[in-house]
Amino acid sequence: MRYYFEDENIVVRNGIHRFDYNYEYIGSSERLVINPNTEKCWLSFSNALKSKQSCMIIGAPSSGKLSTMIDYAKCCGIMPFIL
């Protein structure tokens, strides 16, 4: 995930997708350790966000699914909606 300043706006780029940064303050907290699985999840989130669909993470309990999604939302400046 990379940040660029274009036309007086901050742009977030992840893979082939480009998003405008939304400036939503979610609070300060610890950062997540980024490993290859985290990057794969973030690319899936980007694909779902770009196609205006939802995304669901499946895995073992207490494996960091919720924190991965919240950290992605913080990086993009969007408010996460958790169901």
N, C-alpha and C. Protein backbone atom coordinates (compact mmCIF):
# COMPACT_ATOMS: atom_id res chain seq x y z
N MET A 1 0.85 -1.16 0.00
CA MET A 1 0.00 0.00 0.00
C MET A 1 0.90 1.23 0.00
N ARG A 2 0.66 2.10 -0.96
CA ARG A 2 1.47 3.31 -1.09
C ARG A 2 0.58 4.54 -1.16
N TYR A 3 1.12 5.64 -0.69
CA TYR A 3 0.40 6.90 -0.66
C TYR A 3 1.06 7.89 -1.62
N TYR A 4 0.23 8.58 -2.41
CA TYR A 4 0.72 9.58 -3.36
C TYR A 4 -0.09 10.86 -3.20
N PHE A 5 0.53 11.97 -3.51
CA PHE A 5 -0.14 13.26 -3.48
C PHE A 5 -0.39 13.68 -4.92
N GLU A 6 -1.67 13.64 -5.34
CA GLU A 6 -2.03 13.97 -6.72
C GLU A 6 -3.18 14.98 -6.72
N ASP A 7 -3.04 16.04 -7.46
CA ASP A 7 -4.09 17.05 -7.62
C ASP A 7 -4.66 17.51 -6.28
N GLU A 8 -3.78 17.83 -5.34
CA GLU A 8 -4.15 18.31 -4.01
C GLU A 8 -4.96 17.31 -3.21
N ASN A 9 -4.88 16.04 -3.50
CA ASN A 9 -5.53 14.97 -2.76
C ASN A 9 -4.52 13.87 -2.47
N ILE A 10 -4.74 13.14 -1.40
CA ILE A 10 -3.91 11.98 -1.10
C ILE A 10 -4.56 10.76 -1.73
N VAL A 11 -3.77 9.98 -2.46
CA VAL A 11 -4.26 8.80 -3.16
C VAL A 11 -3.59 7.57 -2.57
N VAL A 12 -4.38 6.55 -2.29
CA VAL A 12 -3.87 5.28 -1.78
C VAL A 12 -3.87 4.28 -2.93
N ARG A 13 -2.73 3.64 -3.16
CA ARG A 13 -2.64 2.63 -4.21
C ARG A 13 -2.24 1.31 -3.60
N ASN A 14 -3.01 0.28 -3.94
CA ASN A 14 -2.74 -1.07 -3.48
C ASN A 14 -2.89 -1.99 -4.68
N GLY A 15 -1.79 -2.53 -5.14
CA GLY A 15 -1.84 -3.35 -6.34
C GLY A 15 -2.17 -2.49 -7.54
N ILE A 16 -3.20 -2.86 -8.27
CA ILE A 16 -3.60 -2.09 -9.45
C ILE A 16 -4.72 -1.10 -9.13
N HIS A 17 -5.17 -1.06 -7.89
CA HIS A 17 -6.31 -0.22 -7.51
C HIS A 17 -5.85 1.11 -6.94
N ARG A 18 -6.64 2.14 -7.18
CA ARG A 18 -6.37 3.50 -6.73
C ARG A 18 -7.59 4.02 -5.99
N PHE A 19 -7.40 4.52 -4.77
CA PHE A 19 -8.49 5.06 -3.96
C PHE A 19 -8.11 6.45 -3.47
N ASP A 20 -9.08 7.30 -3.32
CA ASP A 20 -8.84 8.58 -2.67
C ASP A 20 -8.87 8.35 -1.16
N TYR A 21 -7.94 8.97 -0.46
CA TYR A 21 -7.90 8.87 1.00
C TYR A 21 -9.09 9.64 1.56
N ASN A 22 -9.82 9.05 2.52
CA ASN A 22 -11.08 9.62 2.98
C ASN A 22 -10.98 10.45 4.25
N TYR A 23 -9.83 10.53 4.88
CA TYR A 23 -9.60 11.38 6.06
C TYR A 23 -10.52 11.06 7.23
N GLU A 24 -10.92 9.83 7.39
CA GLU A 24 -11.75 9.41 8.53
C GLU A 24 -10.83 9.04 9.69
N TYR A 25 -10.95 9.76 10.82
CA TYR A 25 -10.10 9.48 11.98
C TYR A 25 -10.72 8.36 12.80
N ILE A 26 -9.98 7.29 12.97
CA ILE A 26 -10.49 6.13 13.70
C ILE A 26 -9.80 5.99 15.05
N GLY A 27 -8.79 6.75 15.29
CA GLY A 27 -8.07 6.69 16.55
C GLY A 27 -6.68 6.11 16.35
N SER A 28 -5.84 6.32 17.31
CA SER A 28 -4.48 5.79 17.21
C SER A 28 -4.41 4.47 17.99
N SER A 29 -3.71 3.53 17.43
CA SER A 29 -3.52 2.25 18.09
C SER A 29 -2.27 1.61 17.53
N GLU A 30 -1.98 0.41 17.98
CA GLU A 30 -0.81 -0.30 17.49
C GLU A 30 -0.99 -0.71 16.04
N ARG A 31 0.10 -0.80 15.33
CA ARG A 31 0.06 -1.23 13.94
C ARG A 31 0.16 -2.74 13.86
N LEU A 32 -0.37 -3.28 12.81
CA LEU A 32 -0.35 -4.71 12.56
C LEU A 32 0.95 -5.09 11.86
N VAL A 33 1.48 -6.26 12.17
CA VAL A 33 2.67 -6.75 11.47
C VAL A 33 2.23 -7.19 10.08
N ILE A 34 2.89 -6.66 9.07
CA ILE A 34 2.50 -6.95 7.69
C ILE A 34 3.33 -8.12 7.17
N ASN A 35 2.66 -9.22 6.86
CA ASN A 35 3.32 -10.40 6.31
C ASN A 35 2.63 -10.75 4.98
N PRO A 36 3.06 -11.78 4.27
CA PRO A 36 2.43 -12.10 2.98
C PRO A 36 0.93 -12.38 3.07
N ASN A 37 0.47 -13.01 4.16
CA ASN A 37 -0.97 -13.26 4.31
C ASN A 37 -1.75 -11.97 4.49
N THR A 38 -1.16 -11.01 5.22
CA THR A 38 -1.81 -9.71 5.39
C THR A 38 -1.92 -8.99 4.06
N GLU A 39 -0.88 -9.05 3.26
CA GLU A 39 -0.92 -8.40 1.95
C GLU A 39 -1.96 -9.05 1.04
N LYS A 40 -2.12 -10.37 1.11
CA LYS A 40 -3.15 -11.04 0.30
C LYS A 40 -4.55 -10.62 0.74
N CYS A 41 -4.74 -10.49 2.06
CA CYS A 41 -6.04 -10.02 2.57
C CYS A 41 -6.30 -8.60 2.10
N TRP A 42 -5.29 -7.74 2.16
CA TRP A 42 -5.46 -6.35 1.75
C TRP A 42 -5.77 -6.25 0.27
N LEU A 43 -5.17 -7.10 -0.56
CA LEU A 43 -5.50 -7.10 -1.99
C LEU A 43 -6.94 -7.56 -2.21
N SER A 44 -7.39 -8.53 -1.42
CA SER A 44 -8.79 -8.97 -1.52
C SER A 44 -9.74 -7.85 -1.09
N PHE A 45 -9.36 -7.12 -0.04
CA PHE A 45 -10.18 -5.98 0.40
C PHE A 45 -10.24 -4.92 -0.70
N SER A 46 -9.10 -4.67 -1.34
CA SER A 46 -9.06 -3.67 -2.42
C SER A 46 -9.93 -4.09 -3.59
N ASN A 47 -9.89 -5.36 -3.96
CA ASN A 47 -10.73 -5.87 -5.05
C ASN A 47 -12.21 -5.71 -4.71
N ALA A 48 -12.58 -6.05 -3.47
CA ALA A 48 -13.98 -5.93 -3.05
C ALA A 48 -14.41 -4.47 -3.00
N LEU A 49 -13.54 -3.60 -2.50
CA LEU A 49 -13.88 -2.18 -2.39
C LEU A 49 -14.05 -1.56 -3.77
N LYS A 50 -13.18 -1.92 -4.70
CA LYS A 50 -13.23 -1.34 -6.04
C LYS A 50 -14.48 -1.80 -6.80
N SER A 51 -14.90 -3.04 -6.57
CA SER A 51 -16.09 -3.54 -7.24
C SER A 51 -17.37 -3.30 -6.43
N LYS A 52 -17.25 -2.54 -5.32
CA LYS A 52 -18.39 -2.17 -4.46
C LYS A 52 -19.13 -3.39 -3.93
N GLN A 53 -18.36 -4.36 -3.45
CA GLN A 53 -18.91 -5.56 -2.84
C GLN A 53 -18.34 -5.72 -1.44
N SER A 54 -18.88 -6.66 -0.71
CA SER A 54 -18.38 -6.91 0.63
C SER A 54 -17.29 -7.99 0.59
N CYS A 55 -16.60 -8.13 1.69
CA CYS A 55 -15.52 -9.11 1.78
C CYS A 55 -15.61 -9.80 3.14
N MET A 56 -15.37 -11.10 3.16
CA MET A 56 -15.45 -11.85 4.40
C MET A 56 -14.15 -12.62 4.60
N ILE A 57 -13.62 -12.55 5.81
CA ILE A 57 -12.39 -13.28 6.14
C ILE A 57 -12.79 -14.51 6.94
N ILE A 58 -12.25 -15.64 6.54
CA ILE A 58 -12.53 -16.91 7.22
C ILE A 58 -11.22 -17.45 7.77
N GLY A 59 -11.25 -17.90 9.02
CA GLY A 59 -10.04 -18.46 9.62
C GLY A 59 -10.29 -18.91 11.04
N ALA A 60 -9.24 -19.37 11.66
CA ALA A 60 -9.33 -19.86 13.04
C ALA A 60 -9.62 -18.72 14.01
N PRO A 61 -10.24 -19.04 15.14
CA PRO A 61 -10.50 -18.00 16.15
C PRO A 61 -9.19 -17.38 16.66
N SER A 62 -9.23 -16.12 16.96
CA SER A 62 -8.10 -15.36 17.50
C SER A 62 -6.89 -15.37 16.57
N SER A 63 -7.13 -15.32 15.27
CA SER A 63 -6.01 -15.30 14.33
C SER A 63 -5.76 -13.91 13.75
N GLY A 64 -6.49 -12.90 14.20
CA GLY A 64 -6.24 -11.53 13.78
C GLY A 64 -7.07 -11.06 12.61
N LYS A 65 -8.20 -11.71 12.37
CA LYS A 65 -9.04 -11.32 11.23
C LYS A 65 -9.61 -9.92 11.41
N LEU A 66 -10.14 -9.63 12.57
CA LEU A 66 -10.74 -8.33 12.84
C LEU A 66 -9.69 -7.22 12.82
N SER A 67 -8.55 -7.47 13.45
CA SER A 67 -7.51 -6.44 13.48
C SER A 67 -6.93 -6.18 12.09
N THR A 68 -6.89 -7.21 11.23
CA THR A 68 -6.43 -7.02 9.86
C THR A 68 -7.36 -6.08 9.11
N MET A 69 -8.67 -6.29 9.27
CA MET A 69 -9.64 -5.45 8.57
C MET A 69 -9.63 -4.02 9.11
N ILE A 70 -9.52 -3.86 10.40
CA ILE A 70 -9.51 -2.52 10.99
C ILE A 70 -8.24 -1.77 10.59
N ASP A 71 -7.10 -2.46 10.55
CA ASP A 71 -5.86 -1.80 10.14
C ASP A 71 -5.90 -1.39 8.68
N TYR A 72 -6.52 -2.18 7.83
CA TYR A 72 -6.68 -1.80 6.43
C TYR A 72 -7.55 -0.55 6.31
N ALA A 73 -8.63 -0.50 7.09
CA ALA A 73 -9.51 0.66 7.06
C ALA A 73 -8.76 1.91 7.53
N LYS A 74 -7.92 1.78 8.54
CA LYS A 74 -7.14 2.91 9.01
C LYS A 74 -6.16 3.40 7.95
N CYS A 75 -5.56 2.46 7.23
CA CYS A 75 -4.60 2.85 6.18
C CYS A 75 -5.29 3.59 5.04
N CYS A 76 -6.55 3.24 4.76
CA CYS A 76 -7.28 3.89 3.67
C CYS A 76 -8.07 5.10 4.16
N GLY A 77 -8.17 5.29 5.47
CA GLY A 77 -8.91 6.43 6.00
C GLY A 77 -10.41 6.25 5.88
N ILE A 78 -10.90 5.02 5.93
CA ILE A 78 -12.34 4.76 5.84
C ILE A 78 -12.84 4.14 7.14
N MET A 79 -14.12 4.34 7.43
CA MET A 79 -14.72 3.80 8.63
C MET A 79 -15.11 2.34 8.40
N PRO A 80 -14.62 1.39 9.19
CA PRO A 80 -15.01 -0.01 8.99
C PRO A 80 -16.39 -0.30 9.58
N PHE A 81 -17.17 -1.09 8.89
CA PHE A 81 -18.46 -1.55 9.39
C PHE A 81 -18.35 -3.04 9.61
N ILE A 82 -18.43 -3.47 10.86
CA ILE A 82 -18.21 -4.86 11.23
C ILE A 82 -19.54 -5.48 11.63
N LEU A 83 -19.92 -6.55 10.97
CA LEU A 83 -21.17 -7.24 11.28
C LEU A 83 -20.90 -8.54 11.96
